[in-house]
N, C-alpha and C. Protein backbone atom coordinates (compact mmCIF):
# COMPACT_ATOMS: atom_id res chain seq x y z
N MET A 1 149.21 60.85 56.81
CA MET A 1 148.06 61.50 56.18
C MET A 1 148.26 61.54 54.66
N PRO A 2 147.17 61.38 53.88
CA PRO A 2 147.28 61.52 52.44
C PRO A 2 147.75 62.92 52.06
N ASP A 3 148.51 63.03 50.99
CA ASP A 3 148.99 64.35 50.58
C ASP A 3 147.95 65.05 49.72
N GLN A 4 148.31 66.22 49.19
CA GLN A 4 147.36 67.04 48.46
C GLN A 4 146.84 66.34 47.21
N ALA A 5 147.72 65.56 46.54
CA ALA A 5 147.29 64.89 45.31
C ALA A 5 146.13 63.95 45.58
N SER A 6 146.19 63.21 46.69
CA SER A 6 145.13 62.24 46.96
C SER A 6 143.84 62.90 47.40
N SER A 7 143.86 64.18 47.74
CA SER A 7 142.63 64.86 48.15
C SER A 7 141.67 65.02 46.98
N ASP A 8 142.17 64.90 45.75
CA ASP A 8 141.33 64.99 44.56
C ASP A 8 140.88 63.62 44.06
N VAL A 9 141.21 62.58 44.79
CA VAL A 9 140.88 61.21 44.40
C VAL A 9 139.62 60.76 45.15
N ILE A 10 138.71 60.13 44.43
CA ILE A 10 137.48 59.61 45.01
C ILE A 10 137.55 58.09 45.09
N ILE A 11 137.21 57.54 46.25
CA ILE A 11 137.11 56.09 46.40
C ILE A 11 135.63 55.74 46.33
N ARG A 12 135.26 54.88 45.41
CA ARG A 12 133.86 54.52 45.25
C ARG A 12 133.74 53.12 44.66
N PRO A 13 132.55 52.51 44.74
CA PRO A 13 132.36 51.21 44.09
C PRO A 13 132.74 51.31 42.61
N ALA A 14 133.45 50.33 42.14
CA ALA A 14 133.97 50.36 40.77
C ALA A 14 132.89 50.03 39.76
N GLY A 15 133.10 50.50 38.54
CA GLY A 15 132.23 50.16 37.43
C GLY A 15 132.93 49.17 36.51
N PRO A 16 132.20 48.61 35.53
CA PRO A 16 132.75 47.56 34.67
C PRO A 16 133.65 48.08 33.55
N ASP A 17 133.72 49.40 33.38
CA ASP A 17 134.51 49.95 32.29
C ASP A 17 135.99 49.99 32.66
N GLN A 18 136.82 50.41 31.74
CA GLN A 18 138.27 50.56 31.92
C GLN A 18 138.92 49.23 32.31
N GLY A 19 138.47 48.17 31.65
CA GLY A 19 138.98 46.85 31.93
C GLY A 19 140.47 46.70 31.66
N ASP A 20 140.99 47.48 30.69
CA ASP A 20 142.43 47.40 30.40
C ASP A 20 143.25 47.92 31.58
N ILE A 21 142.78 49.01 32.20
CA ILE A 21 143.47 49.54 33.38
C ILE A 21 143.34 48.58 34.55
N ALA A 22 142.12 48.06 34.74
CA ALA A 22 141.90 47.10 35.82
C ALA A 22 142.80 45.88 35.66
N ALA A 23 142.95 45.39 34.44
CA ALA A 23 143.80 44.23 34.19
C ALA A 23 145.25 44.52 34.56
N SER A 24 145.72 45.71 34.22
CA SER A 24 147.11 46.06 34.56
C SER A 24 147.30 46.15 36.06
N LEU A 25 146.28 46.63 36.77
CA LEU A 25 146.35 46.72 38.23
C LEU A 25 146.29 45.34 38.87
N MET A 26 145.46 44.46 38.33
CA MET A 26 145.38 43.10 38.84
C MET A 26 146.71 42.38 38.64
N TYR A 27 147.31 42.60 37.49
CA TYR A 27 148.63 42.00 37.21
C TYR A 27 149.68 42.54 38.18
N ALA A 28 149.64 43.83 38.46
CA ALA A 28 150.63 44.45 39.34
C ALA A 28 150.56 43.92 40.76
N THR A 29 149.37 43.48 41.19
CA THR A 29 149.23 42.93 42.53
C THR A 29 150.07 41.67 42.71
N HIS A 30 150.15 40.85 41.66
CA HIS A 30 150.89 39.59 41.78
C HIS A 30 151.45 39.19 40.41
N PRO A 31 152.48 39.89 39.94
CA PRO A 31 153.01 39.61 38.60
C PRO A 31 153.59 38.21 38.44
N VAL A 32 154.26 37.68 39.46
CA VAL A 32 154.86 36.34 39.33
C VAL A 32 153.77 35.30 39.13
N LEU A 33 152.69 35.40 39.89
CA LEU A 33 151.57 34.47 39.75
C LEU A 33 151.00 34.53 38.33
N HIS A 34 150.70 35.71 37.86
CA HIS A 34 150.11 35.85 36.53
C HIS A 34 151.06 35.36 35.43
N ASP A 35 152.33 35.69 35.55
CA ASP A 35 153.29 35.23 34.54
C ASP A 35 153.37 33.72 34.50
N ASP A 36 153.29 33.08 35.66
CA ASP A 36 153.35 31.63 35.72
C ASP A 36 152.08 31.00 35.17
N LEU A 37 150.92 31.48 35.62
CA LEU A 37 149.66 30.90 35.17
C LEU A 37 149.46 31.04 33.66
N TYR A 38 149.87 32.18 33.12
CA TYR A 38 149.61 32.46 31.70
C TYR A 38 150.87 32.34 30.84
N SER A 39 151.90 31.70 31.37
CA SER A 39 153.16 31.47 30.63
C SER A 39 153.75 32.77 30.08
N GLY A 40 153.54 33.86 30.81
CA GLY A 40 154.10 35.14 30.42
C GLY A 40 153.43 35.79 29.23
N ASN A 41 152.28 35.28 28.80
CA ASN A 41 151.58 35.84 27.64
C ASN A 41 150.71 37.01 28.09
N MET A 42 151.21 38.22 27.88
CA MET A 42 150.51 39.40 28.38
C MET A 42 149.16 39.60 27.70
N ALA A 43 149.05 39.22 26.44
CA ALA A 43 147.76 39.35 25.75
C ALA A 43 146.70 38.48 26.44
N ASP A 44 147.08 37.27 26.84
CA ASP A 44 146.14 36.39 27.55
C ASP A 44 145.81 36.96 28.93
N ILE A 45 146.81 37.52 29.61
CA ILE A 45 146.58 38.10 30.94
C ILE A 45 145.57 39.23 30.85
N VAL A 46 145.78 40.13 29.90
CA VAL A 46 144.88 41.28 29.74
C VAL A 46 143.48 40.83 29.35
N ALA A 47 143.38 39.86 28.43
CA ALA A 47 142.07 39.39 27.98
C ALA A 47 141.31 38.72 29.13
N CYS A 48 141.99 37.85 29.87
CA CYS A 48 141.31 37.12 30.95
C CYS A 48 140.96 38.04 32.12
N CYS A 49 141.93 38.85 32.55
CA CYS A 49 141.65 39.76 33.66
C CYS A 49 140.58 40.78 33.29
N GLY A 50 140.58 41.24 32.03
CA GLY A 50 139.57 42.18 31.58
C GLY A 50 138.18 41.59 31.61
N ASP A 51 138.04 40.33 31.15
CA ASP A 51 136.74 39.67 31.17
C ASP A 51 136.28 39.41 32.60
N ILE A 52 137.20 39.01 33.45
CA ILE A 52 136.86 38.78 34.86
C ILE A 52 136.35 40.08 35.49
N TRP A 53 137.04 41.18 35.21
CA TRP A 53 136.65 42.48 35.74
C TRP A 53 135.25 42.87 35.30
N GLU A 54 134.92 42.64 34.04
CA GLU A 54 133.64 43.06 33.48
C GLU A 54 132.48 42.18 33.94
N SER A 55 132.77 40.94 34.30
CA SER A 55 131.72 40.03 34.77
C SER A 55 131.16 40.50 36.11
N LYS A 56 129.86 40.33 36.29
CA LYS A 56 129.25 40.69 37.57
C LYS A 56 129.44 39.61 38.63
N GLU A 57 129.68 38.38 38.19
CA GLU A 57 129.69 37.25 39.12
C GLU A 57 131.07 36.76 39.51
N ALA A 58 132.13 37.24 38.86
CA ALA A 58 133.47 36.71 39.11
C ALA A 58 134.02 37.14 40.46
N LEU A 59 135.03 36.43 40.91
CA LEU A 59 135.65 36.74 42.19
C LEU A 59 136.36 38.08 42.17
N GLU A 60 137.02 38.37 41.05
CA GLU A 60 137.73 39.65 40.92
C GLU A 60 136.95 40.61 40.02
N SER A 61 135.65 40.57 40.15
CA SER A 61 134.74 41.42 39.39
C SER A 61 134.74 42.85 39.92
N HIS A 62 134.39 43.77 39.03
CA HIS A 62 134.17 45.16 39.45
C HIS A 62 133.07 45.25 40.51
N SER A 63 132.15 44.26 40.49
CA SER A 63 131.00 44.33 41.40
C SER A 63 131.38 44.13 42.86
N VAL A 64 132.58 43.61 43.12
CA VAL A 64 133.06 43.49 44.50
C VAL A 64 134.34 44.30 44.70
N ALA A 65 134.56 45.27 43.81
CA ALA A 65 135.76 46.10 43.86
C ALA A 65 135.41 47.54 44.22
N HIS A 66 136.37 48.22 44.81
CA HIS A 66 136.30 49.66 45.01
C HIS A 66 137.47 50.29 44.28
N GLY A 67 137.18 51.33 43.54
CA GLY A 67 138.21 51.97 42.73
C GLY A 67 138.59 53.33 43.27
N ALA A 68 139.82 53.71 43.01
CA ALA A 68 140.27 55.08 43.23
C ALA A 68 140.19 55.78 41.88
N TYR A 69 139.46 56.88 41.85
CA TYR A 69 139.23 57.59 40.59
C TYR A 69 139.74 59.02 40.68
N ALA A 70 140.48 59.41 39.65
CA ALA A 70 140.87 60.80 39.45
C ALA A 70 139.98 61.30 38.32
N GLY A 71 138.97 62.07 38.66
CA GLY A 71 137.94 62.36 37.68
C GLY A 71 137.20 61.08 37.37
N ASP A 72 137.14 60.72 36.08
CA ASP A 72 136.49 59.48 35.68
C ASP A 72 137.48 58.36 35.42
N THR A 73 138.76 58.60 35.67
CA THR A 73 139.80 57.63 35.33
C THR A 73 140.15 56.74 36.52
N LEU A 74 140.12 55.44 36.31
CA LEU A 74 140.50 54.47 37.34
C LEU A 74 142.01 54.50 37.51
N ILE A 75 142.47 54.78 38.73
CA ILE A 75 143.91 54.86 38.98
C ILE A 75 144.38 53.84 40.03
N GLY A 76 143.43 53.18 40.66
CA GLY A 76 143.78 52.17 41.67
C GLY A 76 142.54 51.37 42.02
N LEU A 77 142.75 50.20 42.60
CA LEU A 77 141.59 49.38 42.98
C LEU A 77 141.91 48.50 44.17
N GLU A 78 140.85 48.10 44.84
CA GLU A 78 140.91 47.12 45.93
C GLU A 78 139.78 46.15 45.71
N ILE A 79 140.11 44.86 45.72
CA ILE A 79 139.11 43.80 45.57
C ILE A 79 139.23 42.87 46.77
N GLY A 80 138.14 42.62 47.44
CA GLY A 80 138.21 41.75 48.61
C GLY A 80 136.84 41.35 49.08
N GLY A 81 136.82 40.56 50.15
CA GLY A 81 135.55 40.12 50.72
C GLY A 81 135.78 39.04 51.76
N THR A 82 134.69 38.48 52.21
CA THR A 82 134.74 37.42 53.22
C THR A 82 134.83 36.05 52.54
N MET A 83 135.01 35.02 53.35
CA MET A 83 135.12 33.67 52.82
C MET A 83 133.86 33.26 52.07
N ASP A 84 132.70 33.71 52.50
CA ASP A 84 131.46 33.40 51.80
C ASP A 84 131.52 33.87 50.36
N LEU A 85 132.02 35.08 50.15
CA LEU A 85 132.12 35.62 48.80
C LEU A 85 133.12 34.82 47.97
N PHE A 86 134.28 34.52 48.53
CA PHE A 86 135.29 33.77 47.80
C PHE A 86 134.76 32.38 47.43
N ARG A 87 134.05 31.76 48.35
CA ARG A 87 133.53 30.42 48.13
C ARG A 87 132.49 30.42 47.00
N ALA A 88 131.67 31.44 46.95
CA ALA A 88 130.58 31.50 45.98
C ALA A 88 131.05 31.87 44.57
N ARG A 89 132.14 32.59 44.46
CA ARG A 89 132.52 33.16 43.17
C ARG A 89 133.76 32.55 42.52
N ASP A 90 134.55 31.81 43.24
CA ASP A 90 135.85 31.37 42.75
C ASP A 90 135.76 30.62 41.42
N TYR A 91 134.76 29.76 41.30
CA TYR A 91 134.65 28.94 40.09
C TYR A 91 134.37 29.78 38.85
N VAL A 92 133.75 30.96 39.02
CA VAL A 92 133.37 31.79 37.87
C VAL A 92 134.62 32.25 37.13
N ASP A 93 135.65 32.68 37.86
CA ASP A 93 136.87 33.14 37.22
C ASP A 93 137.49 32.03 36.36
N THR A 94 137.51 30.82 36.91
CA THR A 94 138.10 29.69 36.18
C THR A 94 137.34 29.42 34.89
N GLU A 95 136.02 29.47 34.94
CA GLU A 95 135.22 29.22 33.74
C GLU A 95 135.43 30.31 32.70
N LEU A 96 135.58 31.55 33.13
CA LEU A 96 135.84 32.63 32.19
C LEU A 96 137.19 32.45 31.51
N VAL A 97 138.20 32.10 32.29
CA VAL A 97 139.53 31.87 31.73
C VAL A 97 139.50 30.70 30.75
N LYS A 98 138.79 29.65 31.11
CA LYS A 98 138.69 28.47 30.24
C LYS A 98 138.09 28.83 28.88
N GLY A 99 137.16 29.78 28.87
CA GLY A 99 136.53 30.18 27.63
C GLY A 99 137.39 31.06 26.74
N ILE A 100 138.49 31.58 27.27
CA ILE A 100 139.36 32.47 26.51
C ILE A 100 140.64 31.77 26.05
N LEU A 101 141.26 31.00 26.92
CA LEU A 101 142.54 30.38 26.59
C LEU A 101 142.35 29.17 25.66
N SER A 102 143.40 28.85 24.93
CA SER A 102 143.41 27.60 24.18
C SER A 102 143.39 26.44 25.16
N ALA A 103 143.07 25.25 24.67
CA ALA A 103 143.00 24.07 25.54
C ALA A 103 144.35 23.82 26.22
N THR A 104 145.43 23.98 25.47
CA THR A 104 146.76 23.75 26.04
C THR A 104 147.10 24.79 27.09
N ALA A 105 146.78 26.05 26.78
CA ALA A 105 147.08 27.14 27.73
C ALA A 105 146.26 26.99 28.99
N PHE A 106 144.98 26.57 28.85
CA PHE A 106 144.16 26.40 30.04
C PHE A 106 144.63 25.22 30.87
N GLU A 107 145.07 24.15 30.23
CA GLU A 107 145.59 23.00 30.98
C GLU A 107 146.79 23.43 31.83
N HIS A 108 147.66 24.27 31.25
CA HIS A 108 148.81 24.79 32.00
C HIS A 108 148.34 25.67 33.16
N TYR A 109 147.40 26.56 32.89
CA TYR A 109 146.84 27.46 33.91
C TYR A 109 146.27 26.65 35.07
N ASP A 110 145.43 25.68 34.74
CA ASP A 110 144.75 24.90 35.77
C ASP A 110 145.74 24.08 36.59
N SER A 111 146.71 23.48 35.93
CA SER A 111 147.71 22.68 36.62
C SER A 111 148.57 23.54 37.55
N CYS A 112 148.99 24.70 37.06
CA CYS A 112 149.80 25.60 37.88
C CYS A 112 149.05 26.04 39.13
N PHE A 113 147.78 26.36 38.94
CA PHE A 113 147.02 26.83 40.10
C PHE A 113 146.80 25.72 41.11
N ARG A 114 146.37 24.56 40.65
CA ARG A 114 146.05 23.46 41.56
C ARG A 114 147.29 22.92 42.26
N ASN A 115 148.39 22.79 41.53
CA ASN A 115 149.57 22.12 42.06
C ASN A 115 150.61 23.05 42.67
N ARG A 116 150.43 24.35 42.48
CA ARG A 116 151.44 25.29 42.99
C ARG A 116 150.81 26.42 43.79
N TRP A 117 150.02 27.22 43.10
CA TRP A 117 149.58 28.48 43.71
C TRP A 117 148.48 28.31 44.75
N SER A 118 147.73 27.23 44.68
CA SER A 118 146.68 27.03 45.69
C SER A 118 147.26 26.86 47.08
N TYR A 119 148.55 26.52 47.17
CA TYR A 119 149.21 26.34 48.47
C TYR A 119 149.87 27.62 48.98
N ALA A 120 149.91 28.64 48.15
CA ALA A 120 150.65 29.86 48.50
C ALA A 120 149.87 30.78 49.42
N PHE A 121 148.55 30.63 49.43
CA PHE A 121 147.71 31.56 50.17
C PHE A 121 146.88 30.80 51.20
N PRO A 122 147.24 30.88 52.47
CA PRO A 122 146.49 30.16 53.51
C PRO A 122 145.03 30.61 53.55
N ARG A 123 144.15 29.71 53.96
CA ARG A 123 142.75 30.07 54.13
C ARG A 123 142.62 31.07 55.27
N PHE A 124 141.47 31.70 55.34
CA PHE A 124 141.26 32.70 56.39
C PHE A 124 139.90 32.45 57.04
N PRO A 125 139.72 32.94 58.27
CA PRO A 125 138.48 32.66 59.02
C PRO A 125 137.25 33.29 58.38
N GLU A 126 136.10 32.78 58.77
CA GLU A 126 134.83 33.27 58.23
C GLU A 126 134.60 34.75 58.52
N GLU A 127 135.07 35.23 59.65
CA GLU A 127 134.80 36.62 60.05
C GLU A 127 135.95 37.56 59.69
N THR A 128 136.72 37.18 58.69
CA THR A 128 137.82 38.01 58.19
C THR A 128 137.44 38.64 56.86
N TYR A 129 137.85 39.88 56.66
CA TYR A 129 137.77 40.51 55.33
C TYR A 129 139.15 40.34 54.70
N TYR A 130 139.19 39.68 53.56
CA TYR A 130 140.47 39.41 52.89
C TYR A 130 140.64 40.33 51.69
N VAL A 131 141.74 41.07 51.67
CA VAL A 131 142.07 41.94 50.54
C VAL A 131 142.85 41.11 49.53
N GLY A 132 142.20 40.75 48.44
CA GLY A 132 142.84 39.90 47.44
C GLY A 132 143.63 40.66 46.40
N CYS A 133 143.27 41.91 46.19
CA CYS A 133 143.93 42.72 45.17
C CYS A 133 143.96 44.17 45.63
N LEU A 134 145.13 44.77 45.61
CA LEU A 134 145.29 46.17 45.98
C LEU A 134 146.44 46.74 45.16
N ALA A 135 146.14 47.68 44.30
CA ALA A 135 147.18 48.23 43.43
C ALA A 135 146.82 49.64 42.98
N VAL A 136 147.86 50.40 42.68
CA VAL A 136 147.72 51.78 42.21
C VAL A 136 148.63 51.96 41.00
N LEU A 137 148.18 52.71 40.01
CA LEU A 137 149.01 52.94 38.83
C LEU A 137 150.34 53.57 39.23
N PRO A 138 151.43 53.19 38.56
CA PRO A 138 152.77 53.67 38.95
C PRO A 138 152.89 55.19 39.06
N GLU A 139 152.24 55.91 38.17
CA GLU A 139 152.35 57.37 38.19
C GLU A 139 151.67 58.00 39.40
N TRP A 140 150.90 57.20 40.13
CA TRP A 140 150.23 57.70 41.33
C TRP A 140 150.85 57.15 42.62
N HIS A 141 151.94 56.40 42.49
CA HIS A 141 152.60 55.88 43.68
C HIS A 141 153.13 57.02 44.54
N GLY A 142 153.10 56.82 45.85
CA GLY A 142 153.64 57.81 46.77
C GLY A 142 152.75 59.00 47.01
N GLN A 143 151.50 58.93 46.55
CA GLN A 143 150.60 60.07 46.69
C GLN A 143 149.40 59.77 47.60
N GLY A 144 149.51 58.71 48.36
CA GLY A 144 148.47 58.42 49.36
C GLY A 144 147.27 57.68 48.85
N VAL A 145 147.28 57.25 47.59
CA VAL A 145 146.10 56.59 47.02
C VAL A 145 145.91 55.19 47.61
N GLY A 146 146.99 54.44 47.74
CA GLY A 146 146.90 53.12 48.34
C GLY A 146 146.39 53.16 49.76
N ARG A 147 146.81 54.18 50.49
CA ARG A 147 146.35 54.35 51.87
C ARG A 147 144.83 54.59 51.90
N LEU A 148 144.33 55.40 50.99
CA LEU A 148 142.90 55.66 50.93
C LEU A 148 142.12 54.38 50.64
N LEU A 149 142.62 53.58 49.69
CA LEU A 149 141.95 52.34 49.32
C LEU A 149 141.93 51.35 50.49
N LEU A 150 143.07 51.20 51.15
CA LEU A 150 143.14 50.24 52.24
C LEU A 150 142.32 50.70 53.44
N GLN A 151 142.36 51.98 53.75
CA GLN A 151 141.56 52.49 54.86
C GLN A 151 140.07 52.31 54.58
N ASP A 152 139.68 52.52 53.33
CA ASP A 152 138.28 52.30 52.94
C ASP A 152 137.90 50.84 53.16
N ALA A 153 138.79 49.92 52.82
CA ALA A 153 138.52 48.49 53.05
C ALA A 153 138.39 48.20 54.54
N PHE A 154 139.27 48.78 55.35
CA PHE A 154 139.17 48.59 56.80
C PHE A 154 137.83 49.10 57.33
N ASP A 155 137.44 50.27 56.87
CA ASP A 155 136.19 50.88 57.35
C ASP A 155 134.99 50.02 56.98
N ARG A 156 134.95 49.49 55.76
CA ARG A 156 133.84 48.65 55.34
C ARG A 156 133.84 47.32 56.09
N ALA A 157 135.04 46.79 56.34
CA ALA A 157 135.13 45.53 57.09
C ALA A 157 134.60 45.70 58.51
N ARG A 158 134.99 46.80 59.15
CA ARG A 158 134.48 47.08 60.50
C ARG A 158 132.96 47.21 60.49
N ALA A 159 132.44 47.95 59.52
CA ALA A 159 131.00 48.18 59.44
C ALA A 159 130.24 46.87 59.22
N SER A 160 130.91 45.90 58.60
CA SER A 160 130.29 44.59 58.35
C SER A 160 130.51 43.62 59.50
N LYS A 161 131.08 44.13 60.61
CA LYS A 161 131.30 43.33 61.82
C LYS A 161 132.38 42.26 61.65
N CYS A 162 133.28 42.46 60.69
CA CYS A 162 134.42 41.55 60.57
C CYS A 162 135.36 41.77 61.76
N LYS A 163 136.01 40.70 62.18
CA LYS A 163 136.92 40.81 63.32
C LYS A 163 138.29 41.35 62.93
N ASP A 164 138.64 41.17 61.64
CA ASP A 164 139.95 41.64 61.19
C ASP A 164 139.96 41.72 59.67
N ALA A 165 141.04 42.30 59.14
CA ALA A 165 141.30 42.31 57.71
C ALA A 165 142.66 41.68 57.49
N GLN A 166 142.79 40.89 56.41
CA GLN A 166 144.05 40.22 56.12
C GLN A 166 144.41 40.38 54.65
N LEU A 167 145.69 40.25 54.36
CA LEU A 167 146.17 40.26 52.98
C LEU A 167 147.50 39.52 52.93
N ASP A 168 147.90 39.15 51.72
CA ASP A 168 149.20 38.51 51.50
C ASP A 168 150.08 39.45 50.70
N VAL A 169 151.38 39.45 51.00
CA VAL A 169 152.32 40.33 50.33
C VAL A 169 153.68 39.64 50.29
N TYR A 170 154.42 39.86 49.21
CA TYR A 170 155.79 39.33 49.15
C TYR A 170 156.60 39.89 50.32
N ALA A 171 157.42 39.06 50.93
CA ALA A 171 158.27 39.52 52.02
C ALA A 171 159.23 40.61 51.57
N THR A 172 159.57 40.61 50.28
CA THR A 172 160.53 41.59 49.74
C THR A 172 159.86 42.89 49.27
N ASN A 173 158.56 42.95 49.35
CA ASN A 173 157.83 44.12 48.85
C ASN A 173 157.94 45.29 49.86
N PRO A 174 158.39 46.46 49.42
CA PRO A 174 158.46 47.61 50.33
C PRO A 174 157.13 47.97 50.97
N ALA A 175 156.02 47.51 50.36
CA ALA A 175 154.69 47.80 50.91
C ALA A 175 154.50 47.19 52.30
N VAL A 176 155.33 46.23 52.68
CA VAL A 176 155.23 45.64 54.01
C VAL A 176 155.30 46.74 55.08
N HIS A 177 156.23 47.69 54.90
CA HIS A 177 156.39 48.77 55.87
C HIS A 177 155.17 49.70 55.87
N TYR A 178 154.60 49.91 54.70
CA TYR A 178 153.40 50.74 54.57
C TYR A 178 152.23 50.09 55.29
N TYR A 179 152.07 48.77 55.13
CA TYR A 179 151.00 48.07 55.81
C TYR A 179 151.19 48.12 57.33
N GLN A 180 152.42 47.97 57.76
CA GLN A 180 152.69 48.05 59.20
C GLN A 180 152.35 49.44 59.74
N ALA A 181 152.62 50.47 58.95
CA ALA A 181 152.31 51.84 59.38
C ALA A 181 150.80 52.04 59.51
N MET A 182 150.03 51.20 58.82
CA MET A 182 148.57 51.29 58.90
C MET A 182 148.00 50.33 59.95
N GLY A 183 148.86 49.82 60.80
CA GLY A 183 148.39 49.00 61.91
C GLY A 183 148.32 47.52 61.65
N MET A 184 148.87 47.06 60.53
CA MET A 184 148.88 45.63 60.25
C MET A 184 150.15 45.01 60.83
N GLU A 185 150.07 43.73 61.14
CA GLU A 185 151.23 43.01 61.65
C GLU A 185 151.34 41.67 60.93
N ARG A 186 152.54 41.10 60.94
CA ARG A 186 152.74 39.81 60.31
C ARG A 186 152.07 38.71 61.14
N LEU A 187 151.29 37.90 60.47
CA LEU A 187 150.59 36.80 61.12
C LEU A 187 151.29 35.47 60.85
N SER A 188 151.76 35.28 59.61
CA SER A 188 152.42 34.03 59.24
C SER A 188 153.30 34.26 58.02
N GLU A 189 154.12 33.25 57.71
CA GLU A 189 154.95 33.26 56.52
C GLU A 189 154.70 31.96 55.76
N THR A 190 154.62 32.06 54.43
CA THR A 190 154.34 30.88 53.61
C THR A 190 155.41 30.72 52.54
N ARG A 191 155.99 29.54 52.49
CA ARG A 191 156.96 29.18 51.46
C ARG A 191 156.48 27.89 50.81
N VAL A 192 156.37 27.90 49.48
CA VAL A 192 155.90 26.73 48.75
C VAL A 192 157.06 26.19 47.92
N VAL A 193 157.49 24.99 48.22
CA VAL A 193 158.65 24.42 47.52
C VAL A 193 158.41 24.36 46.01
N ALA A 194 157.18 24.05 45.61
CA ALA A 194 156.86 23.91 44.18
C ALA A 194 156.97 25.23 43.43
N LEU A 195 157.09 26.34 44.16
CA LEU A 195 157.19 27.65 43.50
C LEU A 195 158.62 28.18 43.46
N GLU A 196 159.57 27.40 43.93
CA GLU A 196 160.94 27.91 44.01
C GLU A 196 161.52 28.22 42.63
N ASP A 197 161.06 27.51 41.59
CA ASP A 197 161.60 27.78 40.26
C ASP A 197 161.03 29.06 39.64
N THR A 198 160.05 29.67 40.30
CA THR A 198 159.51 30.95 39.81
C THR A 198 160.13 32.14 40.54
N ASP A 199 161.07 31.88 41.43
CA ASP A 199 161.71 32.94 42.24
C ASP A 199 160.68 33.69 43.08
N THR A 200 159.62 33.00 43.47
CA THR A 200 158.60 33.63 44.32
C THR A 200 159.14 33.81 45.73
N PRO A 201 159.15 35.04 46.25
CA PRO A 201 159.61 35.24 47.62
C PRO A 201 158.63 34.62 48.62
N VAL A 202 159.08 34.50 49.85
CA VAL A 202 158.18 34.12 50.93
C VAL A 202 157.03 35.11 51.00
N HIS A 203 155.83 34.59 51.25
CA HIS A 203 154.66 35.45 51.43
C HIS A 203 154.45 35.73 52.91
N TYR A 204 154.16 36.97 53.22
CA TYR A 204 153.69 37.31 54.56
C TYR A 204 152.18 37.40 54.53
N ARG A 205 151.51 36.76 55.48
CA ARG A 205 150.10 37.04 55.72
C ARG A 205 150.08 38.13 56.79
N MET A 206 149.43 39.25 56.47
CA MET A 206 149.36 40.37 57.39
C MET A 206 147.92 40.56 57.85
N ILE A 207 147.80 41.06 59.07
CA ILE A 207 146.47 41.18 59.69
C ILE A 207 146.31 42.52 60.38
N LYS A 208 145.13 43.07 60.26
CA LYS A 208 144.71 44.26 60.99
C LYS A 208 143.55 43.83 61.87
N ARG A 209 143.77 43.81 63.18
CA ARG A 209 142.72 43.41 64.11
C ARG A 209 141.88 44.62 64.50
N PHE A 210 140.57 44.44 64.53
CA PHE A 210 139.67 45.52 64.89
C PHE A 210 139.29 45.37 66.36
N ASP A 211 139.30 46.47 67.08
CA ASP A 211 138.94 46.45 68.51
C ASP A 211 137.43 46.32 68.67
């Protein structure tokens, strides 16, 4: 059960503001990926993730995100959807990044994604809700906020007649146990040889099946 601190937190559709916080949360979901794509340039990460967040059409837009708010402050977020949504929006993020990065930096970004990271995340079925981003600010860890966000995603997925919810997580991430406690189980493991020089751990694909 969420503790007393999380009882004051509201989960609601996110707004386009607080892009700096959203960018830090997006980075926290997958720091190795972001460091590799952006060559460790945090200014580029914040600028690109912030613009993606503010866009209405992007894959990781606020318009498809739900935020955890303490008062008016964004303290956590969940971004996800079905394959239809990912298919329709994926190109928007790339175009936004292309407009921000230098030509050399974008060439590196595009090459890393196509030749390395595109293999790290298996595709998912049409009737699956995929959680692409789930993170909570460090000062709110251990207070039940992540549980509220994930349960909200499960509830919306069920209401949309999805058969299951899935997400990817590092095998070494302690959150694996938290996901299992919420009824998720390991579905598959993914290791990409091209990512070995980034010290990327094996990814677990986890699934929550709905009755």
